[in-house]
Structures are given as structure tokens and as C-alpha cells.
Amino acid sequence: MHIANPIYDVVFKYLLEDNKVAKLFLSAIIGETITDLDFSAQERTLEIQPPKKGSAPLTVCRFDFSAKIKTETGFKTISIELQKAKFLSDLMRFRRYLGLHYQSSGNSYTVPVQSDDDEKQERQEKPEAHNKEEDVKEQVKPRQIYCIYFLGYGMDLPPCPVLKVDYKVQDVYSGNEFPATGEFVSSLHHRSWIVQINELKKHRRSNLEKLLTVFDQSSQTELRYILDVDDSSFPEEYREIIRRLRKAMEDPDKRREMELEDEIVSEMQDKERQIEQANKKIAEQGNTIAEQGNTIAKQGNTIAELKNDNEAKDNTIAEQAEKIADLKRRLGL
């Protein structure tokens, strides 16, 4: 079956704009059941100069979700940050954006606050001094953050399709571990899932790995933005995902956007190569200048030594001339 390649930003965004599909997809990755999901795509536009005729600026999407998750004791609301990288330089973008995510007031929720016993007693004794609006008090709390990263290049990571990075609470003295629960830990630390696209073709061990075959770039056809996948082994519960990608492939506008993205990414890769070559040349020139500086410094030391030698010789000649003059005086010459 032919589907659109979700490694492309335009397809990835199209896939996750469908709420039902997004809930299926994200639930599979984090291993928890998402019951409600709000989606917000944060976009950054990068102009490529000079632009090719008929091309468009590259849009890099950062995906934010507010998710309600079913737990054993009820429900919890979290923030999910999802990013996809094509270039090694995107690593710094991950760091900057995560910092902004923690600072954002939007990544919080309010909970009602119970009045203490003294305040309740006062309300009972003087009900006229309190109105209904004062009866409702709320406290702002930070949401737990989940991070999901799709990497399209090799990194210094274990060779696994999907990695989970989780915090742990440990007694430094004994090494004993404790459940990583509580507001302090969950608010100031985050869980991460890393999908290594280059490792997907090697494994089909779980439903998640079978689901992620839609990102396997070894399935590319002659058109890089079209994949030929074997849907016979695709998990039935995720069929909506593969249907959504099939729909994107059949949309002529989406196909044109993928072609434009190819052109722009190619231009960016050329620019990165040019920058790398320029930096290499600058580094080589810097080394040459440093070597020339060392040579000049050595020559300067040699000149200084020669100057000192000449001064010593001049002093010797002056002393000898003085002795000769003194000798002549004594001889009456």
C-alpha cells in the first residue's frame, strides 16, 4: 500500500490534526490511554535565500498537546511536547523550546482549595461578611510534561527504535529507589520518548514498532515522499492512522507541498555543507595565522638575541678602545 511519508513536516502535521488519529498515535507511544486531546501547532518559518522560483519558505512545526489521561485512580492532565528533527542543529532548538515550555503559564491547571478550619468557623459565625465568589478559591499547579522526539539521523544512543527516558528517586547513601511520584518530582522533571527512525527497519517486535513502520524510510518508492508499506501486518487498532496517511498521499495539494519541502530541505542541506566548509576553511586559516604568529614570535626572539649579541660586542669594542686610548696616554703617544 502506498502512503504519504510522515517524515515530511506537512504530512506529520496533517496526521496529527485528526484528533482521533492523534490520540491513537500518542497513546501508543507513551503507553497510557489518552481520553481527551487538545492540539496546538507552533510554527517557525525559515526563509531560504535566494528562493527558487515557485518555492515556499520552510515551516518547522513544533507540536503541543494538552492531554487528559486515564489512570488507575482517576484522571490527570498533562502537556505533551512533540518535535521532529532532520538536522543535528535541531538539538539546540529542542533545548530552547523545552525551556520555554516550562516557563509558559499555559502549561498549568487550577484546582479548588479547601478552606481551613478557622476560616470555616468564621464563615459560619459571620456569613454576611462573605459572598459566594469568595467561597470559591483556586490554586494554580504546573502540568507534568511529556516529551516525544523523532530523530531522522544517527545519535550517540543505544540502537533501539524507541527509547524511554524516565526519572527515578534514589537515596544517594543506600542506593535504594522509591516510586517517582509526588507533585515536586513530576512538576520539575519530565519523561521523554525518543523514536530513532533509522532503527525502525530492524525490528517488528511489538504493536508500537509495527505502527512506527509508517516512518521506515527503507520503504521509499522512486518518489521519496511516497512509502510502499506492507499493511497486512499492521495492527488493526491503528488502521485509522494508515488510512489518514493514504488520504494525504492521494491529495494533490499535499503532494505538491511535499515536493516543495524536498526542494527547501535540499537547499538547507547545501547551505549547511557550505557553512561547514566555510568553518573548516576559517579554522585552517586560523591555524595558518597561528603558525605564522609563532614563526614571527620566534623570529622576534632571534632578532632580540642578535641585538643583545651586537650590544655585547659593541660594549666589548668600546672597552677595548678605552684600554687602547689609556695605553697610548701612558706611552705618550
Protein backbone atom coordinates (compact mmCIF):
# COMPACT_ATOMS: atom_id res chain seq x y z
CA MET A 1 0.00 0.00 0.00
CA HIS A 2 1.23 3.47 -0.90
CA ILE A 3 1.06 6.16 1.80
CA ALA A 4 2.44 9.66 2.27
CA ASN A 5 5.80 9.76 4.05
CA PRO A 6 5.19 11.18 7.57
CA ILE A 7 8.85 12.21 7.87
CA TYR A 8 7.70 15.28 5.95
CA ASP A 9 6.50 18.09 8.21
CA VAL A 10 3.40 18.75 6.13
CA VAL A 11 2.33 15.09 6.40
CA PHE A 12 3.22 14.80 10.09
CA LYS A 13 1.10 17.84 10.87
CA TYR A 14 -1.77 16.55 8.70
CA LEU A 15 -1.63 13.19 10.51
CA LEU A 16 -1.88 14.75 13.98
CA GLU A 17 -4.56 17.29 13.10
CA ASP A 18 -7.06 14.43 13.17
CA ASN A 19 -7.95 14.19 16.86
CA LYS A 20 -8.87 10.50 16.82
CA VAL A 21 -5.68 9.57 15.00
CA ALA A 22 -3.55 11.76 17.27
CA LYS A 23 -4.99 10.10 20.41
CA LEU A 24 -4.27 6.63 18.98
CA PHE A 25 -0.76 7.60 17.92
CA LEU A 26 0.32 9.36 21.12
CA SER A 27 -1.30 6.76 23.40
CA ALA A 28 0.68 4.04 21.67
CA ILE A 29 3.99 5.87 22.20
CA ILE A 30 3.54 6.84 25.88
CA GLY A 31 1.79 3.58 26.81
CA GLU A 32 -1.12 5.36 28.52
CA THR A 33 -4.74 5.93 27.49
CA ILE A 34 -5.49 9.47 26.32
CA THR A 35 -9.20 10.24 26.61
CA ASP A 36 -9.17 13.93 25.59
CA LEU A 37 -6.65 15.83 23.49
CA ASP A 38 -6.26 19.49 22.54
CA PHE A 39 -3.81 20.25 19.75
CA SER A 40 -1.79 23.39 19.07
CA ALA A 41 0.82 23.53 16.30
CA GLN A 42 3.58 26.06 16.93
CA GLU A 43 5.23 27.01 13.65
CA ARG A 44 8.51 28.70 12.82
CA THR A 45 9.20 29.90 9.27
CA LEU A 46 12.70 29.87 7.82
CA GLU A 47 13.30 31.87 4.66
CA ILE A 48 15.74 30.34 2.19
CA GLN A 49 17.63 32.96 0.19
CA PRO A 50 17.60 33.23 -2.70
CA PRO A 51 14.29 31.31 -3.05
CA LYS A 52 13.77 29.09 -6.02
CA LYS A 53 11.09 30.06 -8.48
CA GLY A 54 7.78 28.60 -7.30
CA SER A 55 9.19 27.56 -3.92
CA ALA A 56 7.87 28.44 -0.48
CA PRO A 57 9.54 29.11 2.89
CA LEU A 58 10.21 26.08 5.06
CA THR A 59 7.87 25.70 8.04
CA VAL A 60 9.19 23.79 11.03
CA CYS A 61 6.33 22.59 13.24
CA ARG A 62 6.51 22.11 16.98
CA PHE A 63 3.57 20.15 18.31
CA ASP A 64 1.97 20.91 21.65
CA PHE A 65 -0.87 18.93 23.19
CA SER A 66 -2.91 19.15 26.35
CA ALA A 67 -3.93 15.59 27.17
CA LYS A 68 -6.27 14.05 29.69
CA ILE A 69 -5.01 10.61 30.67
CA LYS A 70 -6.90 7.82 32.39
CA THR A 71 -5.07 6.48 35.46
CA GLU A 72 -5.75 3.75 38.00
CA THR A 73 -7.14 6.31 40.45
CA GLY A 74 -8.94 8.62 38.02
CA PHE A 75 -7.57 11.11 35.50
CA LYS A 76 -4.63 13.50 35.14
CA THR A 77 -3.96 16.34 32.69
CA ILE A 78 -0.51 16.67 31.17
CA SER A 79 1.29 18.62 28.45
CA ILE A 80 2.86 16.73 25.55
CA GLU A 81 5.63 18.31 23.50
CA LEU A 82 6.43 16.55 20.23
CA GLN A 83 9.26 17.54 17.91
CA LYS A 84 10.83 16.03 14.82
CA ALA A 85 14.40 16.74 13.70
CA LYS A 86 16.05 16.45 10.30
CA PHE A 87 19.31 18.16 11.21
CA LEU A 88 21.82 17.87 14.04
CA SER A 89 21.44 21.62 14.63
CA ASP A 90 17.86 20.96 15.80
CA LEU A 91 19.25 19.69 19.12
CA MET A 92 19.69 23.25 20.41
CA ARG A 93 16.17 24.06 19.24
CA PHE A 94 14.89 21.21 21.45
CA ARG A 95 16.63 22.71 24.49
CA ARG A 96 15.38 26.25 23.86
CA TYR A 97 11.83 25.15 23.27
CA LEU A 98 11.71 22.88 26.31
CA GLY A 99 12.81 25.84 28.44
CA LEU A 100 10.01 27.96 27.02
CA HIS A 101 7.61 25.10 27.68
CA TYR A 102 8.45 25.08 31.38
CA GLN A 103 8.05 28.86 31.61
CA SER A 104 4.71 29.05 29.81
CA SER A 105 1.73 29.87 32.02
CA GLY A 106 -0.39 27.80 29.63
CA ASN A 107 1.17 24.62 30.98
CA SER A 108 -0.74 24.79 34.24
CA TYR A 109 -4.14 23.96 35.68
CA THR A 110 -6.25 25.14 38.60
CA VAL A 111 -7.64 23.11 41.49
CA PRO A 112 -10.10 24.15 44.19
CA VAL A 113 -8.59 24.86 47.60
CA GLN A 114 -10.35 23.73 50.76
CA SER A 115 -10.81 26.40 53.45
CA ASP A 116 -9.03 25.76 56.76
CA ASP A 117 -10.98 25.16 59.99
CA ASP A 118 -10.59 28.75 61.31
CA GLU A 119 -11.90 30.23 58.08
CA LYS A 120 -14.85 27.81 58.00
CA GLN A 121 -15.72 28.79 61.60
CA GLU A 122 -15.62 32.48 60.70
CA ARG A 123 -17.87 31.93 57.70
CA GLN A 124 -20.41 30.15 59.90
CA GLU A 125 -20.34 32.92 62.54
CA LYS A 126 -20.40 35.84 60.06
CA PRO A 127 -21.98 34.60 56.83
CA GLU A 128 -22.89 38.14 55.79
CA ALA A 129 -19.18 39.06 55.60
CA HIS A 130 -18.53 36.59 52.78
CA ASN A 131 -20.04 36.40 49.35
CA LYS A 132 -20.27 33.40 47.04
CA GLU A 133 -17.32 34.47 44.91
CA GLU A 134 -15.07 34.40 47.97
CA ASP A 135 -16.26 30.88 48.77
CA VAL A 136 -14.52 29.53 45.66
CA LYS A 137 -10.73 29.52 45.88
CA GLU A 138 -8.36 28.02 43.33
CA GLN A 139 -4.67 27.19 43.24
CA VAL A 140 -2.54 27.14 40.07
CA LYS A 141 -0.42 24.00 39.64
CA PRO A 142 2.09 23.10 36.89
CA ARG A 143 1.25 20.30 34.49
CA GLN A 144 3.51 17.33 34.07
CA ILE A 145 5.38 17.48 30.74
CA TYR A 146 5.94 14.54 28.40
CA CYS A 147 8.46 14.99 25.56
CA ILE A 148 8.48 12.95 22.35
CA TYR A 149 11.33 13.28 19.85
CA PHE A 150 11.51 11.84 16.34
CA LEU A 151 15.15 11.75 15.16
CA GLY A 152 15.93 11.36 11.48
CA TYR A 153 19.71 10.97 11.91
CA GLY A 154 22.13 8.90 13.94
CA MET A 155 22.94 9.90 17.51
CA ASP A 156 25.05 8.51 20.36
CA LEU A 157 22.12 6.44 21.61
CA PRO A 158 21.50 2.69 22.02
CA PRO A 159 20.44 1.09 18.71
CA CYS A 160 16.74 0.73 19.55
CA PRO A 161 13.69 2.03 17.65
CA VAL A 162 12.04 3.57 20.72
CA LEU A 163 13.75 4.65 23.93
CA LYS A 164 12.09 5.88 27.11
CA VAL A 165 13.96 8.26 29.41
CA ASP A 166 12.37 8.36 32.86
CA TYR A 167 13.34 9.98 36.13
CA LYS A 168 13.90 7.98 39.31
CA VAL A 169 14.05 8.85 43.01
CA GLN A 170 17.04 7.31 44.77
CA ASP A 171 18.66 7.50 48.20
CA VAL A 172 22.22 8.65 47.45
CA TYR A 173 23.62 6.85 50.52
CA SER A 174 22.00 3.43 50.20
CA GLY A 175 21.12 3.40 46.51
CA ASN A 176 17.53 2.42 47.36
CA GLU A 177 14.94 3.57 44.83
CA PHE A 178 11.49 4.96 45.62
CA PRO A 179 8.37 5.48 43.47
CA ALA A 180 8.81 8.61 41.33
CA THR A 181 5.55 10.14 42.49
CA GLY A 182 4.56 13.42 44.02
CA GLU A 183 3.96 16.91 42.74
CA PHE A 184 7.54 18.14 43.24
CA VAL A 185 9.15 15.41 41.12
CA SER A 186 6.52 15.37 38.36
CA SER A 187 6.47 19.18 38.07
CA LEU A 188 10.23 19.71 37.84
CA HIS A 189 11.23 16.63 35.84
CA HIS A 190 9.87 15.15 32.63
CA ARG A 191 9.61 11.82 30.85
CA SER A 192 10.85 11.51 27.28
CA TRP A 193 10.36 9.08 24.42
CA ILE A 194 12.88 9.00 21.57
CA VAL A 195 11.96 7.44 18.23
CA GLN A 196 15.04 6.68 16.11
CA ILE A 197 13.77 6.47 12.56
CA ASN A 198 16.97 4.84 11.26
CA GLU A 199 16.43 1.89 13.63
CA LEU A 200 12.81 1.14 12.66
CA LYS A 201 13.57 -1.24 9.79
CA LYS A 202 15.39 -3.65 12.11
CA HIS A 203 12.52 -4.50 14.47
CA ARG A 204 8.85 -5.53 14.35
CA ARG A 205 8.56 -6.99 17.87
CA SER A 206 5.59 -5.07 19.30
CA ASN A 207 2.47 -3.32 18.08
CA LEU A 208 4.22 0.01 18.64
CA GLU A 209 7.15 -0.98 16.45
CA LYS A 210 4.72 -2.27 13.81
CA LEU A 211 2.80 1.01 14.00
CA LEU A 212 6.01 3.01 13.52
CA THR A 213 6.80 1.16 10.28
CA VAL A 214 4.94 4.03 8.62
CA PHE A 215 8.15 6.04 9.30
CA ASP A 216 10.54 3.39 7.93
CA GLN A 217 12.48 5.23 5.20
CA SER A 218 13.68 1.98 3.64
CA SER A 219 10.15 1.73 2.20
CA GLN A 220 10.59 4.80 -0.04
CA THR A 221 9.46 4.50 -3.64
CA GLU A 222 11.01 6.37 -6.58
CA LEU A 223 9.27 9.39 -5.09
CA ARG A 224 10.86 9.95 -1.67
CA TYR A 225 7.65 11.34 -0.23
CA ILE A 226 5.71 8.13 -1.01
CA LEU A 227 6.24 4.92 1.00
CA ASP A 228 5.25 1.40 -0.02
CA VAL A 229 4.28 -0.36 3.20
CA ASP A 230 3.03 -3.87 3.92
CA ASP A 231 -0.32 -3.22 5.63
CA SER A 232 -1.07 -6.93 6.16
CA SER A 233 0.83 -6.96 9.49
CA PHE A 234 -0.34 -3.53 10.56
CA PRO A 235 -2.19 -3.64 13.94
CA GLU A 236 -5.94 -3.45 13.43
CA GLU A 237 -6.47 -0.89 16.20
CA TYR A 238 -4.23 1.58 14.33
CA ARG A 239 -5.86 1.29 10.91
CA GLU A 240 -7.12 4.89 11.15
CA ILE A 241 -3.51 6.05 11.08
CA ILE A 242 -2.60 4.28 7.87
CA ARG A 243 -5.87 5.42 6.26
CA ARG A 244 -5.03 9.02 7.16
CA LEU A 245 -1.60 8.72 5.52
CA ARG A 246 -3.19 7.12 2.46
CA LYS A 247 -5.54 10.10 2.22
CA ALA A 248 -2.61 12.53 2.40
CA MET A 249 -0.86 10.67 -0.42
CA GLU A 250 -3.95 10.99 -2.63
CA ASP A 251 -4.28 14.74 -2.01
CA PRO A 252 -2.58 16.63 -4.91
CA ASP A 253 -2.04 19.72 -2.74
CA LYS A 254 -0.23 17.68 -0.11
CA ARG A 255 1.92 16.04 -2.79
CA ARG A 256 2.95 19.46 -4.10
CA GLU A 257 3.75 20.66 -0.56
CA MET A 258 5.96 17.59 -0.05
CA GLU A 259 7.80 18.34 -3.30
CA LEU A 260 8.39 21.92 -2.16
CA GLU A 261 9.62 20.68 1.21
CA ASP A 262 12.10 18.42 -0.61
CA GLU A 263 13.42 21.39 -2.56
CA ILE A 264 13.82 23.55 0.51
CA VAL A 265 15.40 20.84 2.64
CA SER A 266 17.87 20.22 -0.19
CA GLU A 267 18.72 23.92 -0.18
CA MET A 268 19.17 23.85 3.60
CA GLN A 269 21.47 20.84 3.35
CA ASP A 270 23.52 22.67 0.70
CA LYS A 271 23.74 25.71 2.97
CA GLU A 272 24.77 23.56 5.94
CA ARG A 273 27.50 21.98 3.79
CA GLN A 274 28.66 25.43 2.65
CA ILE A 275 28.74 26.68 6.25
CA GLU A 276 30.64 23.57 7.34
CA GLN A 277 33.19 24.06 4.54
CA ALA A 278 33.49 27.78 5.36
CA ASN A 279 34.02 26.99 9.05
CA LYS A 280 36.65 24.40 8.11
CA LYS A 281 38.41 26.93 5.89
CA ILE A 282 38.30 29.56 8.65
CA ALA A 283 39.71 27.03 11.11
CA GLU A 284 42.53 26.16 8.67
CA GLN A 285 43.26 29.84 8.11
CA GLY A 286 43.24 30.36 11.88
CA ASN A 287 45.78 27.56 12.27
CA THR A 288 47.92 29.08 9.49
CA ILE A 289 47.77 32.51 11.13
CA ALA A 290 48.64 30.94 14.49
CA GLU A 291 51.62 29.15 12.91
CA GLN A 292 52.72 32.39 11.22
CA GLY A 293 52.35 34.15 14.57
CA ASN A 294 54.56 31.53 16.19
CA THR A 295 57.13 31.93 13.39
CA ILE A 296 57.11 35.70 13.77
CA ALA A 297 57.45 35.34 17.53
CA LYS A 298 60.45 33.02 17.05
CA GLN A 299 61.98 35.45 14.55
CA GLY A 300 61.38 38.24 17.03
CA ASN A 301 63.19 36.25 19.71
CA THR A 302 66.07 35.60 17.29
CA ILE A 303 66.30 39.31 16.40
CA ALA A 304 66.25 40.21 20.10
CA GLU A 305 69.05 37.70 20.73
CA LEU A 306 71.10 39.12 17.81
CA LYS A 307 70.50 42.62 19.13
CA ASN A 308 71.72 41.56 22.54
CA ASP A 309 74.78 39.93 20.93
CA ASN A 310 75.50 43.10 18.97
CA GLU A 311 75.14 45.22 22.08
CA ALA A 312 77.55 42.92 23.92
CA LYS A 313 80.06 43.18 21.02
CA ASP A 314 79.68 46.98 20.98
CA ASN A 315 80.37 47.07 24.70
CA THR A 316 83.46 44.87 24.21
CA ILE A 317 84.76 47.09 21.38
CA ALA A 318 84.16 50.20 23.50
CA GLU A 319 86.07 48.66 26.40
CA GLN A 320 88.96 47.69 24.11
CA ALA A 321 89.04 51.19 22.55
CA GLU A 322 89.19 52.68 26.04
CA LYS A 323 92.10 50.41 27.00
CA ILE A 324 94.00 51.36 23.80
CA ALA A 325 93.44 55.05 24.49
CA ASP A 326 94.65 54.60 28.05
CA LEU A 327 97.74 52.72 26.78
CA LYS A 328 98.56 55.48 24.30
CA ARG A 329 98.38 58.09 27.06
CA ARG A 330 100.80 56.12 29.16
CA LEU A 331 103.25 55.78 26.24
CA GLY A 332 102.96 59.45 25.46
CA LEU A 333 101.64 58.80 22.02
